[in-house]
Amino acid sequence: MLGLPIWRHRYFETNGFPFPLVLSCNHSTFPVLISGTFRRKGQRRRDYTVAERRAAIGIDWMRDHELDEAIPPAYTAWIGQRLISRLQKGS
């Protein structure tokens, strides 16, 4: 989602402005595994370094175990851009 080399499917909700709740996701390549808990059928899992996982998700300040639950900044930016657009149309 959003051009990141990860699979982190999320549904977004807001309290007042509409936008697509489901985004498309590219599964044509094997993702960087942030949590290390997923294996793609028929393929061996590669262990990624903390630095590789931080770079993939766009976060450089979290510790290893914190990345498992992190919301990528690209997701927050995507929601924020839609909110700004909505507010500009309303004024």
PDB file of N, CA and C in Angstrom:
ATOM      1  N   MET A   1       0.828  -1.184   0.000  1.00  0.00           N
ATOM      2  CA  MET A   1       0.000   0.000   0.000  1.00  0.00           C
ATOM      3  C   MET A   1       0.871   1.246   0.000  1.00  0.00           C
ATOM      4  N   LEU A   2       0.444   2.213  -0.763  1.00  0.00           N
ATOM      5  CA  LEU A   2       1.075   3.529  -0.808  1.00  0.00           C
ATOM      6  C   LEU A   2       2.532   3.482  -1.229  1.00  0.00           C
ATOM      7  N   GLY A   3       2.903   2.491  -2.020  1.00  0.00           N
ATOM      8  CA  GLY A   3       4.243   2.425  -2.577  1.00  0.00           C
ATOM      9  C   GLY A   3       5.327   1.890  -1.646  1.00  0.00           C
ATOM     10  N   LEU A   4       4.963   1.429  -0.474  1.00  0.00           N
ATOM     11  CA  LEU A   4       5.954   0.879   0.447  1.00  0.00           C
ATOM     12  C   LEU A   4       6.212  -0.590   0.116  1.00  0.00           C
ATOM     13  N   PRO A   5       7.437  -1.080   0.326  1.00  0.00           N
ATOM     14  CA  PRO A   5       7.740  -2.478   0.012  1.00  0.00           C
ATOM     15  C   PRO A   5       7.327  -3.440   1.125  1.00  0.00           C
ATOM     16  N   ILE A   6       6.177  -3.189   1.703  1.00  0.00           N
ATOM     17  CA  ILE A   6       5.680  -4.013   2.811  1.00  0.00           C
ATOM     18  C   ILE A   6       4.242  -4.408   2.522  1.00  0.00           C
ATOM     19  N   TRP A   7       3.758  -5.396   3.239  1.00  0.00           N
ATOM     20  CA  TRP A   7       2.331  -5.727   3.225  1.00  0.00           C
ATOM     21  C   TRP A   7       1.806  -5.386   4.603  1.00  0.00           C
ATOM     22  N   ARG A   8       1.119  -4.306   4.707  1.00  0.00           N
ATOM     23  CA  ARG A   8       0.530  -3.899   5.971  1.00  0.00           C
ATOM     24  C   ARG A   8      -0.867  -3.390   5.664  1.00  0.00           C
ATOM     25  N   HIS A   9      -1.800  -4.324   5.530  1.00  0.00           N
ATOM     26  CA  HIS A   9      -3.158  -3.983   5.144  1.00  0.00           C
ATOM     27  C   HIS A   9      -3.866  -3.284   6.305  1.00  0.00           C
ATOM     28  N   ARG A  10      -4.495  -2.172   5.984  1.00  0.00           N
ATOM     29  CA  ARG A  10      -5.206  -1.415   6.993  1.00  0.00           C
ATOM     30  C   ARG A  10      -6.493  -0.866   6.414  1.00  0.00           C
ATOM     31  N   TYR A  11      -7.478  -0.733   7.261  1.00  0.00           N
ATOM     32  CA  TYR A  11      -8.717  -0.058   6.928  1.00  0.00           C
ATOM     33  C   TYR A  11      -8.717   1.252   7.701  1.00  0.00           C
ATOM     34  N   PHE A  12      -9.088   2.328   7.039  1.00  0.00           N
ATOM     35  CA  PHE A  12      -9.075   3.635   7.666  1.00  0.00           C
ATOM     36  C   PHE A  12     -10.497   4.115   7.897  1.00  0.00           C
ATOM     37  N   GLU A  13     -10.718   4.761   9.018  1.00  0.00           N
ATOM     38  CA  GLU A  13     -12.014   5.343   9.333  1.00  0.00           C
ATOM     39  C   GLU A  13     -11.812   6.797   9.724  1.00  0.00           C
ATOM     40  N   THR A  14     -12.821   7.619   9.424  1.00  0.00           N
ATOM     41  CA  THR A  14     -12.802   9.006   9.872  1.00  0.00           C
ATOM     42  C   THR A  14     -14.152   9.321  10.500  1.00  0.00           C
ATOM     43  N   ASN A  15     -14.218  10.467  11.115  1.00  0.00           N
ATOM     44  CA  ASN A  15     -15.471  10.850  11.754  1.00  0.00           C
ATOM     45  C   ASN A  15     -16.240  11.885  10.956  1.00  0.00           C
ATOM     46  N   GLY A  16     -15.921  12.063   9.694  1.00  0.00           N
ATOM     47  CA  GLY A  16     -16.718  13.036   8.986  1.00  0.00           C
ATOM     48  C   GLY A  16     -16.345  13.324   7.551  1.00  0.00           C
ATOM     49  N   PHE A  17     -15.239  12.846   7.055  1.00  0.00           N
ATOM     50  CA  PHE A  17     -14.950  13.109   5.655  1.00  0.00           C
ATOM     51  C   PHE A  17     -14.718  11.782   4.942  1.00  0.00           C
ATOM     52  N   PRO A  18     -15.336  11.639   3.763  1.00  0.00           N
ATOM     53  CA  PRO A  18     -15.248  10.362   3.057  1.00  0.00           C
ATOM     54  C   PRO A  18     -13.959  10.222   2.260  1.00  0.00           C
ATOM     55  N   PHE A  19     -13.495   9.017   2.159  1.00  0.00           N
ATOM     56  CA  PHE A  19     -12.403   8.643   1.261  1.00  0.00           C
ATOM     57  C   PHE A  19     -12.425   7.133   1.131  1.00  0.00           C
ATOM     58  N   PRO A  20     -11.756   6.588   0.119  1.00  0.00           N
ATOM     59  CA  PRO A  20     -11.784   5.133  -0.055  1.00  0.00           C
ATOM     60  C   PRO A  20     -11.265   4.431   1.204  1.00  0.00           C
ATOM     61  N   LEU A  21     -12.011   3.474   1.690  1.00  0.00           N
ATOM     62  CA  LEU A  21     -11.594   2.768   2.894  1.00  0.00           C
ATOM     63  C   LEU A  21     -10.632   1.638   2.606  1.00  0.00           C
ATOM     64  N   VAL A  22     -10.608   1.159   1.387  1.00  0.00           N
ATOM     65  CA  VAL A  22      -9.705   0.065   1.031  1.00  0.00           C
ATOM     66  C   VAL A  22      -8.810   0.543  -0.105  1.00  0.00           C
ATOM     67  N   LEU A  23      -7.528   0.429   0.086  1.00  0.00           N
ATOM     68  CA  LEU A  23      -6.564   0.813  -0.941  1.00  0.00           C
ATOM     69  C   LEU A  23      -6.042  -0.436  -1.636  1.00  0.00           C
ATOM     70  N   SER A  24      -5.640  -0.275  -2.873  1.00  0.00           N
ATOM     71  CA  SER A  24      -5.074  -1.418  -3.585  1.00  0.00           C
ATOM     72  C   SER A  24      -3.686  -1.725  -3.037  1.00  0.00           C
ATOM     73  N   CYS A  25      -3.301  -2.964  -3.213  1.00  0.00           N
ATOM     74  CA  CYS A  25      -2.022  -3.424  -2.685  1.00  0.00           C
ATOM     75  C   CYS A  25      -1.338  -4.276  -3.741  1.00  0.00           C
ATOM     76  N   ASN A  26      -0.057  -4.103  -3.911  1.00  0.00           N
ATOM     77  CA  ASN A  26       0.711  -4.841  -4.904  1.00  0.00           C
ATOM     78  C   ASN A  26       1.359  -6.056  -4.249  1.00  0.00           C
ATOM     79  N   HIS A  27       0.917  -7.239  -4.635  1.00  0.00           N
ATOM     80  CA  HIS A  27       1.476  -8.471  -4.091  1.00  0.00           C
ATOM     81  C   HIS A  27       2.327  -9.204  -5.124  1.00  0.00           C
ATOM     82  N   SER A  28       2.835  -8.487  -6.114  1.00  0.00           N
ATOM     83  CA  SER A  28       3.626  -9.144  -7.153  1.00  0.00           C
ATOM     84  C   SER A  28       5.060  -9.416  -6.714  1.00  0.00           C
ATOM     85  N   THR A  29       5.501  -8.768  -5.659  1.00  0.00           N
ATOM     86  CA  THR A  29       6.847  -9.010  -5.136  1.00  0.00           C
ATOM     87  C   THR A  29       6.742  -9.432  -3.677  1.00  0.00           C
ATOM     88  N   PHE A  30       7.768 -10.070  -3.194  1.00  0.00           N
ATOM     89  CA  PHE A  30       7.799 -10.489  -1.800  1.00  0.00           C
ATOM     90  C   PHE A  30       8.138  -9.275  -0.936  1.00  0.00           C
ATOM     91  N   PRO A  31       7.378  -9.022   0.127  1.00  0.00           N
ATOM     92  CA  PRO A  31       7.576  -7.811   0.919  1.00  0.00           C
ATOM     93  C   PRO A  31       8.737  -7.922   1.904  1.00  0.00           C
ATOM     94  N   VAL A  32       9.181  -6.764   2.355  1.00  0.00           N
ATOM     95  CA  VAL A  32      10.063  -6.720   3.515  1.00  0.00           C
ATOM     96  C   VAL A  32       9.183  -7.065   4.706  1.00  0.00           C
ATOM     97  N   LEU A  33       9.571  -8.047   5.461  1.00  0.00           N
ATOM     98  CA  LEU A  33       8.765  -8.495   6.593  1.00  0.00           C
ATOM     99  C   LEU A  33       9.126  -7.684   7.826  1.00  0.00           C
ATOM    100  N   ILE A  34       8.196  -6.876   8.265  1.00  0.00           N
ATOM    101  CA  ILE A  34       8.435  -6.004   9.405  1.00  0.00           C
ATOM    102  C   ILE A  34       8.403  -6.803  10.699  1.00  0.00           C
ATOM    103  N   SER A  35       7.411  -7.661  10.859  1.00  0.00           N
ATOM    104  CA  SER A  35       7.276  -8.400  12.113  1.00  0.00           C
ATOM    105  C   SER A  35       7.980  -9.742  12.091  1.00  0.00           C
ATOM    106  N   GLY A  36       8.251 -10.256  10.907  1.00  0.00           N
ATOM    107  CA  GLY A  36       8.906 -11.556  10.819  1.00  0.00           C
ATOM    108  C   GLY A  36       7.987 -12.721  11.112  1.00  0.00           C
ATOM    109  N   THR A  37       6.668 -12.505  11.098  1.00  0.00           N
ATOM    110  CA  THR A  37       5.745 -13.574  11.462  1.00  0.00           C
ATOM    111  C   THR A  37       5.020 -14.171  10.261  1.00  0.00           C
ATOM    112  N   PHE A  38       5.321 -13.736   9.046  1.00  0.00           N
ATOM    113  CA  PHE A  38       4.592 -14.195   7.870  1.00  0.00           C
ATOM    114  C   PHE A  38       5.522 -14.919   6.917  1.00  0.00           C
ATOM    115  N   ARG A  39       5.070 -16.027   6.406  1.00  0.00           N
ATOM    116  CA  ARG A  39       5.811 -16.737   5.372  1.00  0.00           C
ATOM    117  C   ARG A  39       4.916 -16.885   4.160  1.00  0.00           C
ATOM    118  N   ARG A  40       5.431 -16.536   3.002  1.00  0.00           N
ATOM    119  CA  ARG A  40       4.664 -16.686   1.773  1.00  0.00           C
ATOM    120  C   ARG A  40       4.772 -18.131   1.314  1.00  0.00           C
ATOM    121  N   LYS A  41       3.661 -18.698   0.967  1.00  0.00           N
ATOM    122  CA  LYS A  41       3.605 -20.111   0.585  1.00  0.00           C
ATOM    123  C   LYS A  41       4.620 -20.408  -0.523  1.00  0.00           C
ATOM    124  N   GLY A  42       5.423 -21.423  -0.303  1.00  0.00           N
ATOM    125  CA  GLY A  42       6.390 -21.856  -1.295  1.00  0.00           C
ATOM    126  C   GLY A  42       7.694 -21.078  -1.310  1.00  0.00           C
ATOM    127  N   GLN A  43       7.837 -20.112  -0.429  1.00  0.00           N
ATOM    128  CA  GLN A  43       9.062 -19.322  -0.397  1.00  0.00           C
ATOM    129  C   GLN A  43       9.640 -19.313   1.007  1.00  0.00           C
ATOM    130  N   ARG A  44      10.944 -19.270   1.060  1.00  0.00           N
ATOM    131  CA  ARG A  44      11.606 -19.185   2.358  1.00  0.00           C
ATOM    132  C   ARG A  44      11.557 -17.752   2.858  1.00  0.00           C
ATOM    133  N   ARG A  45      11.441 -17.616   4.145  1.00  0.00           N
ATOM    134  CA  ARG A  45      11.440 -16.298   4.766  1.00  0.00           C
ATOM    135  C   ARG A  45      12.867 -15.813   4.909  1.00  0.00           C
ATOM    136  N   ARG A  46      13.083 -14.567   4.565  1.00  0.00           N
ATOM    137  CA  ARG A  46      14.386 -13.945   4.747  1.00  0.00           C
ATOM    138  C   ARG A  46      14.331 -13.117   6.012  1.00  0.00           C
ATOM    139  N   ASP A  47      15.356 -13.170   6.804  1.00  0.00           N
ATOM    140  CA  ASP A  47      15.424 -12.324   7.998  1.00  0.00           C
ATOM    141  C   ASP A  47      16.012 -10.972   7.602  1.00  0.00           C
ATOM    142  N   TYR A  48      15.245  -9.913   7.870  1.00  0.00           N
ATOM    143  CA  TYR A  48      15.680  -8.562   7.556  1.00  0.00           C
ATOM    144  C   TYR A  48      16.288  -7.916   8.794  1.00  0.00           C
ATOM    145  N   THR A  49      17.259  -7.060   8.570  1.00  0.00           N
ATOM    146  CA  THR A  49      17.864  -6.335   9.685  1.00  0.00           C
ATOM    147  C   THR A  49      16.887  -5.265  10.156  1.00  0.00           C
ATOM    148  N   VAL A  50      17.115  -4.759  11.362  1.00  0.00           N
ATOM    149  CA  VAL A  50      16.279  -3.680  11.880  1.00  0.00           C
ATOM    150  C   VAL A  50      16.386  -2.466  10.958  1.00  0.00           C
ATOM    151  N   ALA A  51      17.569  -2.185  10.452  1.00  0.00           N
ATOM    152  CA  ALA A  51      17.759  -1.042   9.555  1.00  0.00           C
ATOM    153  C   ALA A  51      16.947  -1.215   8.267  1.00  0.00           C
ATOM    154  N   GLU A  52      16.906  -2.410   7.706  1.00  0.00           N
ATOM    155  CA  GLU A  52      16.122  -2.664   6.492  1.00  0.00           C
ATOM    156  C   GLU A  52      14.631  -2.502   6.758  1.00  0.00           C
ATOM    157  N   ARG A  53      14.190  -2.984   7.909  1.00  0.00           N
ATOM    158  CA  ARG A  53      12.774  -2.890   8.251  1.00  0.00           C
ATOM    159  C   ARG A  53      12.378  -1.445   8.538  1.00  0.00           C
ATOM    160  N   ARG A  54      13.243  -0.705   9.200  1.00  0.00           N
ATOM    161  CA  ARG A  54      12.964   0.717   9.446  1.00  0.00           C
ATOM    162  C   ARG A  54      12.848   1.473   8.124  1.00  0.00           C
ATOM    163  N   ALA A  55      13.780   1.209   7.205  1.00  0.00           N
ATOM    164  CA  ALA A  55      13.768   1.895   5.907  1.00  0.00           C
ATOM    165  C   ALA A  55      12.505   1.547   5.115  1.00  0.00           C
ATOM    166  N   ALA A  56      12.067   0.297   5.168  1.00  0.00           N
ATOM    167  CA  ALA A  56      10.893  -0.139   4.407  1.00  0.00           C
ATOM    168  C   ALA A  56       9.616   0.532   4.887  1.00  0.00           C
ATOM    169  N   ILE A  57       9.514   0.740   6.175  1.00  0.00           N
ATOM    170  CA  ILE A  57       8.289   1.317   6.738  1.00  0.00           C
ATOM    171  C   ILE A  57       8.380   2.844   6.839  1.00  0.00           C
ATOM    172  N   GLY A  58       9.590   3.395   6.679  1.00  0.00           N
ATOM    173  CA  GLY A  58       9.767   4.843   6.725  1.00  0.00           C
ATOM    174  C   GLY A  58       9.883   5.400   8.126  1.00  0.00           C
ATOM    175  N   ILE A  59      10.390   4.583   9.038  1.00  0.00           N
ATOM    176  CA  ILE A  59      10.554   4.988  10.431  1.00  0.00           C
ATOM    177  C   ILE A  59      11.986   4.669  10.850  1.00  0.00           C
ATOM    178  N   ASP A  60      12.712   5.673  11.343  1.00  0.00           N
ATOM    179  CA  ASP A  60      14.111   5.411  11.703  1.00  0.00           C
ATOM    180  C   ASP A  60      14.393   5.539  13.197  1.00  0.00           C
ATOM    181  N   TRP A  61      13.347   5.718  14.005  1.00  0.00           N
ATOM    182  CA  TRP A  61      13.571   5.963  15.429  1.00  0.00           C
ATOM    183  C   TRP A  61      13.070   4.849  16.336  1.00  0.00           C
ATOM    184  N   MET A  62      12.380   3.869  15.822  1.00  0.00           N
ATOM    185  CA  MET A  62      11.797   2.834  16.681  1.00  0.00           C
ATOM    186  C   MET A  62      12.733   1.659  16.886  1.00  0.00           C
ATOM    187  N   ARG A  63      12.524   1.018  18.011  1.00  0.00           N
ATOM    188  CA  ARG A  63      13.264  -0.204  18.286  1.00  0.00           C
ATOM    189  C   ARG A  63      12.606  -1.373  17.552  1.00  0.00           C
ATOM    190  N   ASP A  64      13.291  -2.476  17.524  1.00  0.00           N
ATOM    191  CA  ASP A  64      12.882  -3.661  16.777  1.00  0.00           C
ATOM    192  C   ASP A  64      11.430  -4.055  17.039  1.00  0.00           C
ATOM    193  N   HIS A  65      11.077  -4.315  18.283  1.00  0.00           N
ATOM    194  CA  HIS A  65       9.732  -4.808  18.590  1.00  0.00           C
ATOM    195  C   HIS A  65       8.647  -3.751  18.387  1.00  0.00           C
ATOM    196  N   GLU A  66       9.000  -2.475  18.419  1.00  0.00           N
ATOM    197  CA  GLU A  66       8.018  -1.407  18.213  1.00  0.00           C
ATOM    198  C   GLU A  66       7.539  -1.338  16.761  1.00  0.00           C
ATOM    199  N   LEU A  67       8.372  -1.774  15.826  1.00  0.00           N
ATOM    200  CA  LEU A  67       8.002  -1.732  14.412  1.00  0.00           C
ATOM    201  C   LEU A  67       6.815  -2.629  14.092  1.00  0.00           C
ATOM    202  N   ASP A  68       6.640  -3.697  14.876  1.00  0.00           N
ATOM    203  CA  ASP A  68       5.537  -4.640  14.627  1.00  0.00           C
ATOM    204  C   ASP A  68       4.182  -3.955  14.621  1.00  0.00           C
ATOM    205  N   GLU A  69       3.974  -2.981  15.477  1.00  0.00           N
ATOM    206  CA  GLU A  69       2.677  -2.329  15.630  1.00  0.00           C
ATOM    207  C   GLU A  69       2.629  -0.928  15.030  1.00  0.00           C
ATOM    208  N   ALA A  70       3.698  -0.500  14.411  1.00  0.00           N
ATOM    209  CA  ALA A  70       3.801   0.879  13.934  1.00  0.00           C
ATOM    210  C   ALA A  70       2.888   1.160  12.744  1.00  0.00           C
ATOM    211  N   ILE A  71       2.385   2.362  12.688  1.00  0.00           N
ATOM    212  CA  ILE A  71       1.647   2.849  11.534  1.00  0.00           C
ATOM    213  C   ILE A  71       2.635   3.630  10.674  1.00  0.00           C
ATOM    214  N   PRO A  72       2.838   3.211   9.445  1.00  0.00           N
ATOM    215  CA  PRO A  72       3.811   3.913   8.600  1.00  0.00           C
ATOM    216  C   PRO A  72       3.441   5.383   8.418  1.00  0.00           C
ATOM    217  N   PRO A  73       4.410   6.285   8.494  1.00  0.00           N
ATOM    218  CA  PRO A  73       4.127   7.706   8.281  1.00  0.00           C
ATOM    219  C   PRO A  73       3.455   7.978   6.936  1.00  0.00           C
ATOM    220  N   ALA A  74       3.713   7.165   5.932  1.00  0.00           N
ATOM    221  CA  ALA A  74       3.066   7.345   4.627  1.00  0.00           C
ATOM    222  C   ALA A  74       1.555   7.207   4.752  1.00  0.00           C
ATOM    223  N   TYR A  75       1.079   6.371   5.655  1.00  0.00           N
ATOM    224  CA  TYR A  75      -0.359   6.206   5.857  1.00  0.00           C
ATOM    225  C   TYR A  75      -0.959   7.469   6.472  1.00  0.00           C
ATOM    226  N   THR A  76      -0.290   8.011   7.477  1.00  0.00           N
ATOM    227  CA  THR A  76      -0.763   9.238   8.118  1.00  0.00           C
ATOM    228  C   THR A  76      -0.765  10.392   7.124  1.00  0.00           C
ATOM    229  N   ALA A  77       0.273  10.481   6.294  1.00  0.00           N
ATOM    230  CA  ALA A  77       0.344  11.539   5.288  1.00  0.00           C
ATOM    231  C   ALA A  77      -0.795  11.402   4.282  1.00  0.00           C
ATOM    232  N   TRP A  78      -1.115  10.171   3.890  1.00  0.00           N
ATOM    233  CA  TRP A  78      -2.195   9.926   2.934  1.00  0.00           C
ATOM    234  C   TRP A  78      -3.531  10.415   3.499  1.00  0.00           C
ATOM    235  N   ILE A  79      -3.809  10.080   4.740  1.00  0.00           N
ATOM    236  CA  ILE A  79      -5.047  10.527   5.381  1.00  0.00           C
ATOM    237  C   ILE A  79      -5.046  12.053   5.511  1.00  0.00           C
ATOM    238  N   GLY A  80      -3.928  12.624   5.929  1.00  0.00           N
ATOM    239  CA  GLY A  80      -3.831  14.069   6.090  1.00  0.00           C
ATOM    240  C   GLY A  80      -4.044  14.826   4.789  1.00  0.00           C
ATOM    241  N   GLN A  81      -3.519  14.293   3.700  1.00  0.00           N
ATOM    242  CA  GLN A  81      -3.708  14.938   2.398  1.00  0.00           C
ATOM    243  C   GLN A  81      -5.183  14.955   2.001  1.00  0.00           C
ATOM    244  N   ARG A  82      -5.888  13.877   2.277  1.00  0.00           N
ATOM    245  CA  ARG A  82      -7.312  13.827   1.967  1.00  0.00           C
ATOM    246  C   ARG A  82      -8.114  14.794   2.853  1.00  0.00           C
ATOM    247  N   LEU A  83      -7.722  14.892   4.102  1.00  0.00           N
ATOM    248  CA  LEU A  83      -8.390  15.826   5.010  1.00  0.00           C
ATOM    249  C   LEU A  83      -8.176  17.265   4.545  1.00  0.00           C
ATOM    250  N   ILE A  84      -6.947  17.612   4.210  1.00  0.00           N
ATOM    251  CA  ILE A  84      -6.651  18.970   3.741  1.00  0.00           C
ATOM    252  C   ILE A  84      -7.452  19.287   2.484  1.00  0.00           C
ATOM    253  N   SER A  85      -7.499  18.345   1.558  1.00  0.00           N
ATOM    254  CA  SER A  85      -8.267  18.540   0.325  1.00  0.00           C
ATOM    255  C   SER A  85      -9.744  18.759   0.632  1.00  0.00           C
ATOM    256  N   ARG A  86     -10.260  17.972   1.533  1.00  0.00           N
ATOM    257  CA  ARG A  86     -11.670  18.082   1.917  1.00  0.00           C
ATOM    258  C   ARG A  86     -11.951  19.444   2.571  1.00  0.00           C
ATOM    259  N   LEU A  87     -11.072  19.883   3.449  1.00  0.00           N
ATOM    260  CA  LEU A  87     -11.248  21.168   4.114  1.00  0.00           C
ATOM    261  C   LEU A  87     -11.173  22.328   3.130  1.00  0.00           C
ATOM    262  N   GLN A  88     -10.278  22.218   2.155  1.00  0.00           N
ATOM    263  CA  GLN A  88     -10.159  23.287   1.159  1.00  0.00           C
ATOM    264  C   GLN A  88     -11.404  23.378   0.283  1.00  0.00           C
ATOM    265  N   LYS A  89     -12.008  22.245  -0.020  1.00  0.00           N
ATOM    266  CA  LYS A  89     -13.238  22.240  -0.825  1.00  0.00           C
ATOM    267  C   LYS A  89     -14.415  22.817  -0.035  1.00  0.00           C
ATOM    268  N   GLY A  90     -14.384  22.630   1.285  1.00  0.00           N
ATOM    269  CA  GLY A  90     -15.477  23.098   2.111  1.00  0.00           C
ATOM    270  C   GLY A  90     -15.442  24.573   2.433  1.00  0.00           C
ATOM    271  N   SER A  91     -14.293  25.224   2.158  1.00  0.00           N
ATOM    272  CA  SER A  91     -14.208  26.647   2.504  1.00  0.00           C
ATOM    273  C   SER A  91     -14.402  27.551   1.324  1.00  0.00           C
TER     274      SER A  91
END
